[in-house]
């Protein structure tokens, strides 16, 4: 039995990776693991068997999302070595609206940004 993971959803932050996974999970044949595993991020050898067993599902197609994979060459190499037939769903977003969305998320998530009166241009300068 092939236990290999079939697809990965990768892409930049605030590009819709969570939304696409929610849509994929509506399909009765597709399973996506909750959260982000970051399994291929790590430069150390990881336990493949444990990784595959964490995808408990009877569905035909299994996958996960970890947007950071698109930034890491060694992660892409590890993915290819693991499964050369892996399907990659890559989500990108226009950079300014992506950054503004991240700014709004940070402002809403952390009171520290509000207390510092961090404005959009200062946020952009720190991120660029």
Protein backbone atom coordinates (compact mmCIF):
# COMPACT_ATOMS: atom_id res chain seq x y z
CA UNK A 1 0.00 0.00 0.00
CA UNK A 2 1.32 3.43 -0.95
CA UNK A 3 1.28 5.73 2.07
CA UNK A 4 3.02 8.61 0.34
CA UNK A 5 1.45 12.03 0.65
CA UNK A 6 -0.03 13.12 -2.69
CA UNK A 7 0.00 16.91 -2.60
CA UNK A 8 1.32 19.93 -0.75
CA UNK A 9 -0.19 23.38 -0.65
CA UNK A 10 2.61 25.93 -0.53
CA UNK A 11 2.74 29.64 -1.13
CA UNK A 12 3.19 33.00 0.46
CA UNK A 13 1.47 34.06 3.66
CA UNK A 14 -1.96 35.63 3.21
CA UNK A 15 -2.38 34.17 -0.29
CA UNK A 16 -5.31 31.88 0.52
CA UNK A 17 -3.67 28.60 1.56
CA UNK A 18 -6.20 28.10 4.36
CA UNK A 19 -9.11 28.79 2.01
CA UNK A 20 -7.90 26.39 -0.67
CA UNK A 21 -7.49 23.64 1.93
CA UNK A 22 -11.03 24.25 3.18
CA UNK A 23 -12.29 23.88 -0.39
CA UNK A 24 -10.26 20.73 -1.00
CA UNK A 25 -11.62 19.16 2.18
CA UNK A 26 -15.13 19.47 0.73
CA UNK A 27 -14.20 16.74 -1.75
CA UNK A 28 -14.99 13.29 -0.29
CA UNK A 29 -11.81 11.82 -1.84
CA UNK A 30 -9.38 14.44 -0.51
CA UNK A 31 -7.90 14.74 2.97
CA UNK A 32 -5.80 17.62 4.24
CA UNK A 33 -4.07 17.49 7.58
CA UNK A 34 -5.05 20.21 10.05
CA UNK A 35 -2.55 23.01 10.55
CA UNK A 36 0.94 23.19 9.10
CA UNK A 37 3.35 20.31 9.63
CA UNK A 38 6.54 22.01 8.44
CA UNK A 39 7.85 18.46 8.01
CA UNK A 40 10.09 19.32 5.06
CA UNK A 41 11.29 22.61 6.62
CA UNK A 42 13.61 20.86 9.02
CA UNK A 43 17.13 20.20 7.77
CA UNK A 44 17.39 17.10 9.96
CA UNK A 45 16.21 13.71 8.77
CA UNK A 46 12.65 13.31 9.92
CA UNK A 47 10.75 10.13 10.58
CA UNK A 48 8.89 9.51 7.30
CA UNK A 49 6.85 6.63 8.74
CA UNK A 50 5.62 8.78 11.62
CA UNK A 51 4.83 11.61 9.19
CA UNK A 52 2.78 9.35 6.92
CA UNK A 53 0.95 7.74 9.85
CA UNK A 54 -0.14 11.19 11.03
CA UNK A 55 -2.40 11.36 7.96
CA UNK A 56 -5.12 9.15 9.41
CA UNK A 57 -7.74 8.94 6.69
CA UNK A 58 -9.44 6.47 4.38
CA UNK A 59 -9.54 9.07 1.63
CA UNK A 60 -7.69 8.39 -1.64
CA UNK A 61 -5.76 11.64 -1.79
CA UNK A 62 -3.81 13.01 1.18
CA UNK A 63 -1.94 16.24 1.63
CA UNK A 64 -1.01 19.15 3.81
CA UNK A 65 -0.21 22.82 3.70
CA UNK A 66 2.95 24.51 4.83
CA UNK A 67 3.37 27.79 2.97
CA UNK A 68 7.00 28.20 4.00
CA UNK A 69 8.11 25.38 1.69
CA UNK A 70 8.13 27.76 -1.27
CA UNK A 71 10.95 29.79 0.32
CA UNK A 72 13.28 26.92 1.14
CA UNK A 73 15.33 25.26 -1.59
CA UNK A 74 16.31 22.38 0.70
CA UNK A 75 12.62 21.76 1.48
CA UNK A 76 11.82 21.48 -2.23
CA UNK A 77 14.74 19.06 -2.64
CA UNK A 78 13.46 16.94 0.27
CA UNK A 79 9.95 16.95 -1.17
CA UNK A 80 11.21 15.73 -4.54
CA UNK A 81 13.32 13.03 -2.91
CA UNK A 82 10.33 11.91 -0.84
CA UNK A 83 7.89 11.81 -3.78
CA UNK A 84 8.98 12.93 -7.27
CA UNK A 85 5.31 12.79 -8.33
CA UNK A 86 4.14 15.12 -5.56
CA UNK A 87 1.55 17.63 -6.73
CA UNK A 88 2.29 21.15 -5.58
CA UNK A 89 -0.44 23.75 -5.22
CA UNK A 90 1.38 27.07 -5.20
CA UNK A 91 -0.53 30.17 -4.16
CA UNK A 92 0.82 33.66 -4.77
CA UNK A 93 -0.66 37.09 -4.23
CA UNK A 94 0.02 40.58 -5.47
CA UNK A 95 2.74 41.82 -3.05
CA UNK A 96 1.23 45.09 -1.80
CA UNK A 97 -2.20 43.68 -0.95
CA UNK A 98 -0.51 40.62 0.59
CA UNK A 99 1.66 42.81 2.82
CA UNK A 100 -1.31 44.99 3.78
CA UNK A 101 -3.32 41.89 4.69
CA UNK A 102 -0.44 40.67 6.85
CA UNK A 103 -0.21 44.09 8.50
CA UNK A 104 -3.92 43.98 9.35
CA UNK A 105 -3.56 40.46 10.72
CA UNK A 106 -0.66 41.55 12.95
CA UNK A 107 -2.52 44.63 14.18
CA UNK A 108 -5.55 42.51 15.07
CA UNK A 109 -3.50 39.68 16.55
CA UNK A 110 -1.14 41.66 18.77
CA UNK A 111 -1.99 44.58 20.96
CA UNK A 112 1.69 45.54 20.82
CA UNK A 113 1.31 46.94 17.33
CA UNK A 114 -1.56 49.14 18.44
CA UNK A 115 0.34 50.35 21.50
CA UNK A 116 3.34 51.29 19.40
CA UNK A 117 1.03 53.09 16.99
CA UNK A 118 2.68 51.22 14.14
CA UNK A 119 1.57 52.69 10.88
CA UNK A 120 1.46 50.98 7.52
CA UNK A 121 4.62 52.60 6.11
CA UNK A 122 6.70 51.68 9.17
CA UNK A 123 5.43 48.11 8.93
CA UNK A 124 6.36 47.99 5.24
CA UNK A 125 9.86 49.30 5.92
CA UNK A 126 10.41 46.56 8.51
CA UNK A 127 9.16 43.82 6.17
CA UNK A 128 11.01 44.97 3.06
